[in-house]
């Protein structure tokens, strides 16, 4: 006799409906963007990484690209530490995607993105920064 079927979790139902939105190898995409910005920041005429940081006041002034570009901001450290960061991010990210599956890993990153944006705006409001 077969055991009773397990009910679908919310994440399973979301995967059935929106699974085609999942970006495979999203860790590689994020790493490529971070590496490109890190190299650009090292160039003599390189742009400051502050231009891609999540700044709620500037988002409210119309710089809405900051809601996405902060994901590509590399750590502002010495090159050796940045290399270790990239290696660990690649190791952890690809392992999680392999173990959880593409949709669940994307959902994990999406929830983290929403939480970061919400925390930035709530923190800005609590600390009294003017928009």
N, C-alpha and C. Protein backbone atom coordinates (compact mmCIF):
# COMPACT_ATOMS: atom_id res chain seq x y z
N UNK A 1 0.84 -1.18 0.00
CA UNK A 1 0.00 0.00 0.00
C UNK A 1 0.88 1.24 0.00
N UNK A 2 0.55 2.21 -0.83
CA UNK A 2 1.31 3.44 -0.94
C UNK A 2 0.97 4.39 0.20
N UNK A 3 1.98 5.12 0.69
CA UNK A 3 1.68 6.12 1.73
C UNK A 3 0.87 7.26 1.13
N UNK A 4 0.10 7.95 1.96
CA UNK A 4 -0.71 9.05 1.44
C UNK A 4 0.19 10.15 0.86
N UNK A 5 -0.29 10.78 -0.19
CA UNK A 5 0.48 11.84 -0.84
C UNK A 5 0.60 13.04 0.09
N UNK A 6 1.77 13.62 0.09
CA UNK A 6 2.01 14.82 0.91
C UNK A 6 1.34 16.01 0.24
N UNK A 7 0.69 16.86 1.00
CA UNK A 7 0.10 18.06 0.40
C UNK A 7 1.21 18.98 -0.10
N UNK A 8 0.91 19.71 -1.15
CA UNK A 8 1.89 20.63 -1.71
C UNK A 8 2.09 21.83 -0.78
N UNK A 9 3.34 22.20 -0.61
CA UNK A 9 3.62 23.38 0.19
C UNK A 9 3.39 24.62 -0.67
N UNK A 10 3.39 25.77 -0.03
CA UNK A 10 3.21 27.02 -0.76
C UNK A 10 4.30 27.18 -1.81
N UNK A 11 5.53 26.85 -1.45
CA UNK A 11 6.64 26.99 -2.39
C UNK A 11 6.47 26.06 -3.58
N UNK A 12 5.96 24.87 -3.35
CA UNK A 12 5.71 23.93 -4.47
C UNK A 12 4.62 24.47 -5.40
N UNK A 13 3.58 25.04 -4.81
CA UNK A 13 2.52 25.61 -5.64
C UNK A 13 3.02 26.80 -6.44
N UNK A 14 3.84 27.64 -5.82
CA UNK A 14 4.42 28.77 -6.53
C UNK A 14 5.33 28.30 -7.67
N UNK A 15 6.07 27.23 -7.41
CA UNK A 15 6.96 26.71 -8.44
C UNK A 15 6.18 26.20 -9.64
N UNK A 16 5.07 25.54 -9.39
CA UNK A 16 4.24 25.06 -10.50
C UNK A 16 3.69 26.20 -11.35
N UNK A 17 3.36 27.30 -10.67
CA UNK A 17 2.75 28.41 -11.39
C UNK A 17 3.77 29.37 -12.01
N UNK A 18 4.84 29.65 -11.27
CA UNK A 18 5.80 30.66 -11.71
C UNK A 18 7.21 30.11 -11.95
N UNK A 19 7.35 28.81 -12.01
CA UNK A 19 8.67 28.20 -12.16
C UNK A 19 9.42 28.63 -13.40
N UNK A 20 8.71 29.00 -14.42
CA UNK A 20 9.38 29.41 -15.66
C UNK A 20 10.06 30.76 -15.53
N UNK A 21 9.77 31.53 -14.45
CA UNK A 21 10.45 32.80 -14.21
C UNK A 21 11.86 32.61 -13.65
N UNK A 22 12.15 31.44 -13.11
CA UNK A 22 13.42 31.21 -12.44
C UNK A 22 14.59 31.37 -13.41
N UNK A 23 15.62 32.03 -12.95
CA UNK A 23 16.81 32.29 -13.76
C UNK A 23 17.85 31.23 -13.41
N UNK A 24 18.19 30.34 -14.35
CA UNK A 24 19.21 29.34 -14.03
C UNK A 24 20.59 30.01 -13.92
N UNK A 25 21.40 29.47 -13.04
CA UNK A 25 22.76 29.99 -12.81
C UNK A 25 22.76 31.47 -12.45
N UNK A 26 21.83 31.88 -11.62
CA UNK A 26 21.72 33.30 -11.24
C UNK A 26 22.96 33.74 -10.45
N UNK A 27 23.63 32.83 -9.78
CA UNK A 27 24.86 33.18 -9.06
C UNK A 27 25.92 33.67 -10.04
N UNK A 28 26.04 33.01 -11.18
CA UNK A 28 27.02 33.42 -12.19
C UNK A 28 26.68 34.82 -12.72
N UNK A 29 25.40 35.09 -12.92
CA UNK A 29 24.97 36.40 -13.40
C UNK A 29 25.34 37.48 -12.38
N UNK A 30 25.07 37.22 -11.10
CA UNK A 30 25.40 38.19 -10.06
C UNK A 30 26.91 38.37 -9.94
N UNK A 31 27.65 37.27 -10.00
CA UNK A 31 29.11 37.37 -9.92
C UNK A 31 29.70 38.13 -11.10
N UNK A 32 29.18 37.91 -12.29
CA UNK A 32 29.67 38.62 -13.47
C UNK A 32 29.44 40.12 -13.32
N UNK A 33 28.25 40.50 -12.85
CA UNK A 33 27.96 41.91 -12.64
C UNK A 33 28.84 42.52 -11.57
N UNK A 34 29.06 41.79 -10.48
CA UNK A 34 29.91 42.30 -9.41
C UNK A 34 31.36 42.42 -9.87
N UNK A 35 31.84 41.43 -10.61
CA UNK A 35 33.21 41.48 -11.10
C UNK A 35 33.39 42.66 -12.07
N UNK A 36 32.42 42.87 -12.94
CA UNK A 36 32.51 43.98 -13.90
C UNK A 36 32.55 45.32 -13.16
N UNK A 37 31.71 45.49 -12.16
CA UNK A 37 31.71 46.74 -11.40
C UNK A 37 32.98 46.90 -10.58
N UNK A 38 33.49 45.80 -10.05
CA UNK A 38 34.73 45.89 -9.28
C UNK A 38 35.89 46.32 -10.17
N UNK A 39 35.99 45.73 -11.35
CA UNK A 39 37.05 46.10 -12.28
C UNK A 39 36.87 47.54 -12.73
N UNK A 40 35.64 47.95 -13.01
CA UNK A 40 35.38 49.33 -13.42
C UNK A 40 35.76 50.32 -12.31
N UNK A 41 35.56 49.93 -11.06
CA UNK A 41 35.90 50.84 -9.96
C UNK A 41 37.41 50.96 -9.78
N UNK A 42 38.18 49.99 -10.27
CA UNK A 42 39.64 50.04 -10.14
C UNK A 42 40.30 50.87 -11.24
N UNK A 43 39.60 51.10 -12.33
CA UNK A 43 40.16 51.88 -13.43
C UNK A 43 40.37 53.32 -13.01
N UNK A 44 41.36 54.00 -13.62
CA UNK A 44 41.63 55.40 -13.22
C UNK A 44 40.41 56.31 -13.36
N UNK A 45 39.64 56.16 -14.41
CA UNK A 45 38.44 56.97 -14.61
C UNK A 45 37.21 56.23 -14.10
N UNK A 46 37.42 55.19 -13.29
CA UNK A 46 36.34 54.33 -12.83
C UNK A 46 35.30 55.06 -12.01
N UNK A 47 34.10 54.58 -12.13
CA UNK A 47 32.99 55.17 -11.39
C UNK A 47 33.02 54.72 -9.94
N UNK A 48 32.48 55.54 -9.10
CA UNK A 48 32.36 55.21 -7.69
C UNK A 48 31.24 54.19 -7.51
N UNK A 49 31.45 53.26 -6.60
CA UNK A 49 30.43 52.26 -6.32
C UNK A 49 29.21 52.87 -5.61
N UNK A 50 29.35 54.10 -5.14
CA UNK A 50 28.22 54.77 -4.49
C UNK A 50 27.08 55.03 -5.48
N UNK A 51 27.39 55.02 -6.77
CA UNK A 51 26.35 55.28 -7.78
C UNK A 51 25.39 54.11 -7.95
N UNK A 52 25.75 52.93 -7.44
CA UNK A 52 24.86 51.78 -7.56
C UNK A 52 24.30 51.34 -6.21
N UNK A 53 24.71 52.02 -5.14
CA UNK A 53 24.25 51.64 -3.80
C UNK A 53 22.77 51.93 -3.63
N UNK A 54 22.14 51.18 -2.73
CA UNK A 54 20.72 51.39 -2.44
C UNK A 54 20.60 52.55 -1.46
N UNK A 55 20.16 53.68 -1.97
CA UNK A 55 19.97 54.89 -1.18
C UNK A 55 18.50 55.30 -1.32
N UNK A 56 17.69 55.06 -0.28
CA UNK A 56 16.25 55.35 -0.39
C UNK A 56 15.94 56.79 -0.79
N UNK A 57 16.73 57.74 -0.30
CA UNK A 57 16.47 59.13 -0.64
C UNK A 57 16.64 59.36 -2.14
N UNK A 58 17.65 58.76 -2.72
CA UNK A 58 17.88 58.94 -4.15
C UNK A 58 16.87 58.15 -4.98
N UNK A 59 16.41 57.02 -4.45
CA UNK A 59 15.35 56.28 -5.14
C UNK A 59 14.09 57.12 -5.20
N UNK A 60 13.77 57.79 -4.11
CA UNK A 60 12.58 58.63 -4.07
C UNK A 60 12.73 59.87 -4.97
N UNK A 61 13.96 60.24 -5.29
CA UNK A 61 14.20 61.36 -6.19
C UNK A 61 14.17 60.93 -7.65
N UNK A 62 13.94 59.64 -7.89
CA UNK A 62 13.80 59.17 -9.26
C UNK A 62 14.86 58.20 -9.73
N UNK A 63 15.87 57.92 -8.95
CA UNK A 63 16.92 57.00 -9.35
C UNK A 63 16.50 55.56 -9.02
N UNK A 64 15.46 55.10 -9.70
CA UNK A 64 14.86 53.80 -9.38
C UNK A 64 15.76 52.62 -9.74
N UNK A 65 16.76 52.82 -10.59
CA UNK A 65 17.66 51.73 -10.94
C UNK A 65 18.42 51.21 -9.73
N UNK A 66 18.53 52.03 -8.69
CA UNK A 66 19.23 51.62 -7.48
C UNK A 66 18.54 50.45 -6.78
N UNK A 67 17.25 50.24 -7.07
CA UNK A 67 16.54 49.10 -6.49
C UNK A 67 17.08 47.77 -6.99
N UNK A 68 17.75 47.78 -8.14
CA UNK A 68 18.30 46.55 -8.72
C UNK A 68 19.83 46.56 -8.72
N UNK A 69 20.43 47.71 -8.99
CA UNK A 69 21.88 47.73 -9.17
C UNK A 69 22.66 47.41 -7.91
N UNK A 70 22.08 47.61 -6.74
CA UNK A 70 22.82 47.30 -5.53
C UNK A 70 23.15 45.82 -5.42
N UNK A 71 22.39 44.98 -6.14
CA UNK A 71 22.70 43.55 -6.15
C UNK A 71 24.05 43.27 -6.80
N UNK A 72 24.50 44.15 -7.66
CA UNK A 72 25.75 43.97 -8.37
C UNK A 72 26.92 44.71 -7.73
N UNK A 73 26.68 45.35 -6.60
CA UNK A 73 27.75 46.08 -5.93
C UNK A 73 28.71 45.09 -5.27
N UNK A 74 29.98 45.12 -5.68
CA UNK A 74 30.95 44.19 -5.08
C UNK A 74 31.41 44.71 -3.72
N UNK A 75 32.06 43.88 -2.95
CA UNK A 75 32.59 44.36 -1.67
C UNK A 75 33.70 45.39 -1.94
N UNK A 76 33.78 46.38 -1.12
CA UNK A 76 34.79 47.43 -1.28
C UNK A 76 36.00 47.08 -0.41
N UNK A 77 36.72 46.07 -0.84
CA UNK A 77 37.86 45.55 -0.07
C UNK A 77 39.08 45.42 -0.96
N UNK A 78 40.15 44.92 -0.37
CA UNK A 78 41.36 44.63 -1.12
C UNK A 78 41.10 43.49 -2.09
N UNK A 79 41.86 43.45 -3.19
CA UNK A 79 41.62 42.42 -4.21
C UNK A 79 41.66 40.99 -3.69
N UNK A 80 42.54 40.67 -2.76
CA UNK A 80 42.61 39.31 -2.24
C UNK A 80 41.30 38.91 -1.55
N UNK A 81 40.75 39.80 -0.76
CA UNK A 81 39.49 39.51 -0.08
C UNK A 81 38.33 39.41 -1.07
N UNK A 82 38.37 40.23 -2.11
CA UNK A 82 37.32 40.17 -3.13
C UNK A 82 37.38 38.84 -3.87
N UNK A 83 38.56 38.34 -4.15
CA UNK A 83 38.70 37.03 -4.80
C UNK A 83 38.11 35.94 -3.92
N UNK A 84 38.42 35.98 -2.62
CA UNK A 84 37.84 34.99 -1.69
C UNK A 84 36.32 35.12 -1.64
N UNK A 85 35.83 36.35 -1.63
CA UNK A 85 34.39 36.58 -1.62
C UNK A 85 33.74 35.97 -2.86
N UNK A 86 34.32 36.24 -4.03
CA UNK A 86 33.77 35.68 -5.27
C UNK A 86 33.79 34.16 -5.25
N UNK A 87 34.89 33.59 -4.76
CA UNK A 87 34.99 32.12 -4.72
C UNK A 87 33.93 31.53 -3.79
N UNK A 88 33.78 32.12 -2.60
CA UNK A 88 32.80 31.60 -1.64
C UNK A 88 31.37 31.81 -2.13
N UNK A 89 31.09 32.96 -2.72
CA UNK A 89 29.76 33.20 -3.25
C UNK A 89 29.43 32.20 -4.35
N UNK A 90 30.39 31.93 -5.21
CA UNK A 90 30.18 30.94 -6.27
C UNK A 90 29.96 29.55 -5.68
N UNK A 91 30.80 29.18 -4.71
CA UNK A 91 30.68 27.86 -4.09
C UNK A 91 29.33 27.69 -3.40
N UNK A 92 28.97 28.65 -2.55
CA UNK A 92 27.71 28.54 -1.81
C UNK A 92 26.50 28.67 -2.72
N UNK A 93 26.54 29.64 -3.63
CA UNK A 93 25.40 29.89 -4.50
C UNK A 93 25.10 28.72 -5.42
N UNK A 94 26.13 28.19 -6.08
CA UNK A 94 25.89 27.07 -7.00
C UNK A 94 25.48 25.80 -6.25
N UNK A 95 26.04 25.61 -5.05
CA UNK A 95 25.66 24.44 -4.25
C UNK A 95 24.21 24.54 -3.80
N UNK A 96 23.80 25.71 -3.33
CA UNK A 96 22.41 25.88 -2.92
C UNK A 96 21.46 25.70 -4.10
N UNK A 97 21.82 26.24 -5.24
CA UNK A 97 20.95 26.09 -6.42
C UNK A 97 20.87 24.62 -6.83
N UNK A 98 21.97 23.91 -6.73
CA UNK A 98 21.98 22.50 -7.09
C UNK A 98 21.15 21.68 -6.11
N UNK A 99 21.23 21.97 -4.83
CA UNK A 99 20.51 21.21 -3.81
C UNK A 99 19.02 21.57 -3.75
N UNK A 100 18.71 22.85 -3.81
CA UNK A 100 17.32 23.31 -3.66
C UNK A 100 16.56 23.31 -4.98
N UNK A 101 17.28 23.49 -6.06
CA UNK A 101 16.64 23.68 -7.35
C UNK A 101 16.64 25.15 -7.70
N UNK A 102 16.53 25.42 -8.99
CA UNK A 102 16.64 26.79 -9.49
C UNK A 102 15.55 27.69 -8.93
N UNK A 103 14.30 27.21 -8.92
CA UNK A 103 13.20 28.08 -8.46
C UNK A 103 13.35 28.42 -6.99
N UNK A 104 13.63 27.46 -6.14
CA UNK A 104 13.73 27.73 -4.71
C UNK A 104 14.90 28.64 -4.39
N UNK A 105 16.01 28.47 -5.10
CA UNK A 105 17.16 29.35 -4.89
C UNK A 105 16.83 30.78 -5.34
N UNK A 106 16.16 30.91 -6.47
CA UNK A 106 15.72 32.23 -6.94
C UNK A 106 14.75 32.85 -5.94
N UNK A 107 13.85 32.06 -5.39
CA UNK A 107 12.90 32.56 -4.39
C UNK A 107 13.65 33.04 -3.15
N UNK A 108 14.67 32.30 -2.73
CA UNK A 108 15.51 32.68 -1.60
C UNK A 108 16.17 34.04 -1.85
N UNK A 109 16.74 34.21 -3.02
CA UNK A 109 17.38 35.48 -3.36
C UNK A 109 16.35 36.60 -3.47
N UNK A 110 15.17 36.30 -4.02
CA UNK A 110 14.12 37.30 -4.16
C UNK A 110 13.64 37.79 -2.79
N UNK A 111 13.44 36.87 -1.86
CA UNK A 111 13.02 37.26 -0.51
C UNK A 111 14.11 38.09 0.15
N UNK A 112 15.37 37.73 -0.06
CA UNK A 112 16.47 38.53 0.47
C UNK A 112 16.51 39.92 -0.13
N UNK A 113 16.23 40.02 -1.43
CA UNK A 113 16.21 41.32 -2.10
C UNK A 113 15.09 42.19 -1.53
N UNK A 114 13.89 41.61 -1.41
CA UNK A 114 12.75 42.36 -0.84
C UNK A 114 13.07 42.81 0.59
N UNK A 115 13.65 41.92 1.38
CA UNK A 115 13.98 42.26 2.77
C UNK A 115 15.01 43.39 2.83
N UNK A 116 16.00 43.38 1.96
CA UNK A 116 17.00 44.45 1.94
C UNK A 116 16.39 45.78 1.57
N UNK A 117 15.56 45.79 0.55
CA UNK A 117 14.92 47.04 0.12
C UNK A 117 14.00 47.55 1.23
N UNK A 118 13.21 46.67 1.81
CA UNK A 118 12.31 47.08 2.90
C UNK A 118 13.10 47.61 4.09
N UNK A 119 14.17 46.92 4.47
CA UNK A 119 14.98 47.37 5.61
C UNK A 119 15.62 48.73 5.34
N UNK A 120 16.06 48.95 4.11
CA UNK A 120 16.66 50.25 3.78
C UNK A 120 15.65 51.37 3.91
N UNK A 121 14.43 51.14 3.39
CA UNK A 121 13.42 52.20 3.46
C UNK A 121 12.89 52.38 4.88
N UNK A 122 12.69 51.30 5.61
CA UNK A 122 12.21 51.41 7.00
C UNK A 122 13.28 52.07 7.87
N UNK A 123 14.53 51.63 7.70
CA UNK A 123 15.62 52.23 8.47
C UNK A 123 15.78 53.71 8.17
N UNK A 124 15.63 54.07 6.92
CA UNK A 124 15.73 55.46 6.52
C UNK A 124 14.59 56.27 7.15
N UNK A 125 13.39 55.70 7.18
CA UNK A 125 12.25 56.40 7.78
C UNK A 125 12.41 56.54 9.29
N UNK A 126 12.91 55.50 9.94
CA UNK A 126 13.08 55.54 11.40
C UNK A 126 14.17 56.53 11.80
N UNK A 127 15.24 56.55 11.03
CA UNK A 127 16.34 57.45 11.36
C UNK A 127 16.07 58.88 10.93
N UNK A 128 14.93 59.12 10.27
CA UNK A 128 14.51 60.47 9.95
C UNK A 128 15.17 61.07 8.74
N UNK A 129 15.69 60.24 7.86
CA UNK A 129 16.30 60.79 6.65
C UNK A 129 15.17 61.34 5.77
N UNK A 130 15.35 62.55 5.30
CA UNK A 130 14.33 63.20 4.48
C UNK A 130 14.38 62.70 3.06
N UNK A 131 13.19 62.48 2.45
CA UNK A 131 13.12 62.04 1.06
C UNK A 131 13.01 63.22 0.16
